[in-house]
N, C-alpha and C. Protein backbone atom coordinates (compact mmCIF):
# COMPACT_ATOMS: atom_id res chain seq x y z
N ALA A 1 102.59 94.39 131.72
CA ALA A 1 102.95 95.40 130.45
C ALA A 1 101.96 94.70 129.58
N SER A 2 101.88 93.52 129.41
CA SER A 2 101.49 92.85 127.85
C SER A 2 99.60 93.12 128.34
N THR A 3 99.42 92.93 129.54
CA THR A 3 97.58 93.45 130.11
C THR A 3 97.31 94.75 129.13
N ARG A 4 98.47 95.34 130.29
CA ARG A 4 98.23 96.70 129.47
C ARG A 4 98.14 97.17 127.89
N ALA A 5 99.29 96.84 127.19
CA ALA A 5 99.24 96.73 126.03
C ALA A 5 97.80 96.14 125.66
N LEU A 6 97.44 94.90 125.99
CA LEU A 6 96.17 94.60 125.45
C LEU A 6 95.05 95.64 125.27
N PHE A 7 94.72 95.67 126.45
CA PHE A 7 93.77 96.68 127.08
C PHE A 7 93.70 98.19 125.69
N ALA A 8 94.99 98.83 125.70
CA ALA A 8 95.72 99.43 124.76
C ALA A 8 95.05 99.70 123.52
N GLU A 9 95.23 98.10 122.89
CA GLU A 9 94.99 97.67 121.67
C GLU A 9 93.64 97.48 121.75
N TRP A 10 92.44 97.12 122.12
CA TRP A 10 91.27 96.44 122.54
C TRP A 10 90.50 98.37 122.27
N LEU A 11 91.29 99.09 123.43
CA LEU A 11 90.55 100.62 123.53
C LEU A 11 90.76 101.30 122.03
N ALA A 12 91.52 101.22 121.21
CA ALA A 12 92.37 101.65 119.99
C ALA A 12 91.29 101.15 119.04
N GLU A 13 91.01 99.87 119.13
CA GLU A 13 90.40 99.36 117.77
C GLU A 13 89.00 99.91 118.02
N ALA A 14 88.34 100.04 119.22
CA ALA A 14 87.19 100.41 119.38
C ALA A 14 86.82 102.07 119.05
N GLY A 15 87.51 102.66 118.84
CA GLY A 15 87.97 104.29 118.29
C GLY A 15 88.43 104.83 119.58
N HIS A 16 88.89 104.44 120.09
CA HIS A 16 89.43 105.65 120.92
C HIS A 16 90.86 105.79 120.90
N ARG A 17 91.05 107.24 121.59
CA ARG A 17 92.01 107.84 121.69
C ARG A 17 93.51 106.90 122.72
N VAL A 18 94.14 106.17 122.58
CA VAL A 18 95.05 105.84 123.88
C VAL A 18 95.78 106.27 123.51
N VAL A 19 96.39 107.28 125.13
CA VAL A 19 97.69 107.81 125.53
C VAL A 19 98.64 106.69 126.72
N GLU A 20 99.74 106.77 126.60
CA GLU A 20 100.60 106.19 127.46
C GLU A 20 100.64 106.39 128.61
N GLU A 21 100.56 106.20 129.94
CA GLU A 21 101.08 106.94 130.77
C GLU A 21 102.18 106.63 131.33
N PRO A 22 103.41 107.40 131.59
CA PRO A 22 103.09 108.62 132.43
C PRO A 22 103.11 109.60 131.17
N ALA A 23 103.42 109.38 129.93
CA ALA A 23 103.22 110.40 128.95
C ALA A 23 102.31 111.58 129.32
N ALA A 24 100.96 111.18 129.29
CA ALA A 24 99.91 112.08 129.53
C ALA A 24 100.53 112.99 131.13
N LEU A 25 100.53 112.48 131.82
CA LEU A 25 100.76 113.41 132.91
C LEU A 25 102.03 114.03 132.78
N GLN A 26 103.18 114.07 132.39
CA GLN A 26 104.55 114.52 132.33
C GLN A 26 104.25 115.57 131.03
N ALA A 27 103.48 115.03 129.92
CA ALA A 27 103.19 116.05 128.67
C ALA A 27 102.08 117.26 129.25
N GLY A 28 101.14 117.02 129.93
CA GLY A 28 100.24 117.92 130.47
C GLY A 28 99.32 118.46 129.53
N GLU A 29 98.94 117.08 129.26
CA GLU A 29 97.95 116.59 128.45
C GLU A 29 96.42 117.20 129.72
N ASP A 30 95.66 118.53 128.84
CA ASP A 30 94.79 118.64 129.23
C ASP A 30 93.32 118.18 128.98
N GLU A 31 93.63 117.42 128.41
CA GLU A 31 92.33 117.07 127.89
C GLU A 31 91.71 116.00 128.90
N ARG A 32 90.81 115.99 129.41
CA ARG A 32 90.45 115.11 130.36
C ARG A 32 89.78 113.63 129.62
N PRO A 33 90.61 112.51 129.85
CA PRO A 33 90.11 111.04 129.29
C PRO A 33 89.21 110.78 129.90
N SER A 34 88.21 109.76 129.08
CA SER A 34 87.05 108.88 129.46
C SER A 34 87.39 108.24 131.06
N LEU A 35 88.26 107.75 130.67
CA LEU A 35 88.83 106.46 131.40
C LEU A 35 90.09 106.24 131.87
N ALA A 36 90.70 106.21 132.77
CA ALA A 36 92.29 106.09 132.96
C ALA A 36 92.70 104.64 133.60
N VAL A 37 93.49 103.91 132.84
CA VAL A 37 93.85 102.18 132.90
C VAL A 37 95.33 102.68 134.02
N VAL A 38 95.45 102.39 135.01
CA VAL A 38 96.40 102.38 135.55
C VAL A 38 97.04 101.14 136.09
N ASP A 39 98.20 100.86 135.43
CA ASP A 39 99.05 99.45 135.71
C ASP A 39 99.56 99.77 137.49
N LEU A 40 99.69 98.95 138.38
CA LEU A 40 100.40 99.03 139.58
C LEU A 40 100.76 97.56 140.14
N PRO A 41 101.79 97.85 139.28
CA PRO A 41 102.69 96.72 140.53
C PRO A 41 102.71 95.94 141.87
N TYR A 42 102.47 97.21 142.70
CA TYR A 42 102.71 97.18 143.83
C TYR A 42 101.76 98.41 144.22
N ALA A 43 100.43 97.52 144.88
CA ALA A 43 99.52 98.71 145.03
C ALA A 43 99.90 100.40 146.01
N ARG A 44 100.44 99.48 147.07
CA ARG A 44 100.52 101.03 147.88
C ARG A 44 102.03 101.74 147.58
N ARG A 45 102.99 101.36 146.97
CA ARG A 45 103.78 102.20 146.65
C ARG A 45 102.96 102.92 145.02
N GLY A 46 101.90 103.04 144.36
CA GLY A 46 101.67 103.32 143.40
C GLY A 46 100.29 104.28 143.74
N MET A 47 99.94 104.47 145.34
CA MET A 47 99.45 105.58 145.64
C MET A 47 99.20 106.81 144.99
N GLU A 48 100.53 107.31 145.41
CA GLU A 48 101.07 108.45 144.36
C GLU A 48 100.46 108.97 143.16
N LEU A 49 100.67 107.71 142.29
CA LEU A 49 100.30 107.92 141.11
C LEU A 49 98.78 108.13 140.67
N LEU A 50 98.19 107.17 141.92
CA LEU A 50 96.42 107.39 141.89
C LEU A 50 96.09 109.17 142.19
N ARG A 51 97.12 109.50 142.91
CA ARG A 51 96.42 111.00 143.41
C ARG A 51 96.86 111.98 142.64
N SER A 52 97.88 111.86 141.62
CA SER A 52 98.44 112.56 140.76
C SER A 52 97.34 112.21 139.58
N VAL A 53 96.25 111.30 139.21
CA VAL A 53 95.56 111.13 137.88
C VAL A 53 94.12 111.91 138.34
N ALA A 54 93.74 111.42 139.81
CA ALA A 54 92.80 111.79 140.98
C ALA A 54 93.05 113.70 140.67
N GLU A 55 93.85 114.31 141.04
CA GLU A 55 94.46 115.53 141.14
C GLU A 55 93.77 116.42 139.76
N ARG A 56 94.69 115.80 138.59
CA ARG A 56 94.37 116.29 137.37
C ARG A 56 93.25 115.93 136.34
N TRP A 57 92.61 114.75 136.72
CA TRP A 57 91.11 115.00 136.05
C TRP A 57 90.15 114.21 136.95
N PRO A 58 89.69 114.55 138.02
CA PRO A 58 88.60 114.91 139.36
C PRO A 58 87.53 114.12 138.24
N GLY A 59 87.08 113.14 138.91
CA GLY A 59 85.79 112.27 138.75
C GLY A 59 86.29 111.63 137.47
N THR A 60 87.56 111.21 136.96
CA THR A 60 87.48 110.42 135.59
C THR A 60 87.34 108.83 136.61
N PRO A 61 86.94 107.95 135.87
CA PRO A 61 87.10 106.33 136.47
C PRO A 61 88.43 105.97 136.30
N VAL A 62 88.74 105.35 137.22
CA VAL A 62 90.08 104.86 137.30
C VAL A 62 89.90 103.12 136.99
N LEU A 63 90.27 102.64 136.13
CA LEU A 63 90.90 101.20 135.96
C LEU A 63 92.27 100.72 136.88
N VAL A 64 92.13 100.40 138.02
CA VAL A 64 93.63 99.60 138.43
C VAL A 64 94.14 98.32 138.12
N LEU A 65 95.17 97.66 137.56
CA LEU A 65 95.43 96.09 137.36
C LEU A 65 96.55 96.32 138.55
N SER A 66 96.25 95.48 138.80
CA SER A 66 97.78 94.74 139.98
C SER A 66 97.58 93.26 140.14
N PRO A 67 98.20 92.97 139.83
CA PRO A 67 98.45 91.57 140.63
C PRO A 67 98.48 91.65 142.20
N THR A 68 98.60 92.42 142.91
CA THR A 68 99.14 92.64 144.44
C THR A 68 97.84 93.20 145.04
N LEU A 69 96.98 93.34 144.36
CA LEU A 69 95.56 94.10 144.97
C LEU A 69 94.67 93.41 145.02
N PHE A 70 94.15 93.83 146.94
CA PHE A 70 93.36 93.18 147.05
C PHE A 70 91.89 94.01 147.85
N SER A 71 91.06 93.05 147.94
CA SER A 71 89.38 93.85 148.19
C SER A 71 89.88 94.62 149.70
N HIS A 72 90.27 94.30 150.55
CA HIS A 72 90.66 95.42 151.59
C HIS A 72 91.87 96.54 151.17
N VAL A 73 92.21 96.66 150.16
CA VAL A 73 93.30 97.76 150.08
C VAL A 73 92.51 98.50 149.84
N ARG A 74 92.21 99.98 150.26
CA ARG A 74 91.14 101.06 150.09
C ARG A 74 91.90 102.21 149.03
N PHE A 75 91.44 102.94 148.15
CA PHE A 75 92.05 104.28 148.03
C PHE A 75 91.00 105.15 148.47
N ASP A 76 91.15 106.13 149.04
CA ASP A 76 90.65 107.23 149.41
C ASP A 76 90.58 108.58 148.63
N GLY A 77 91.23 108.46 147.42
CA GLY A 77 91.76 109.73 146.19
C GLY A 77 92.40 110.45 147.66
């Protein structure tokens, strides 16, 4: 949570509009974000969230933060 908050602070200070997830998905945000930052404490359990982001905003770059994500874990959208 603290890393996510720090990213949000940095992005806001740089002039970006920051929308906290899951509010963006639940509120029906139609405006395509330029970047999605997703916090996944458990990568395998978070694949559904990544799929939701990919379906809602195809082609949007996704930055995944996870203490349990390893290079051999793949996501194929």
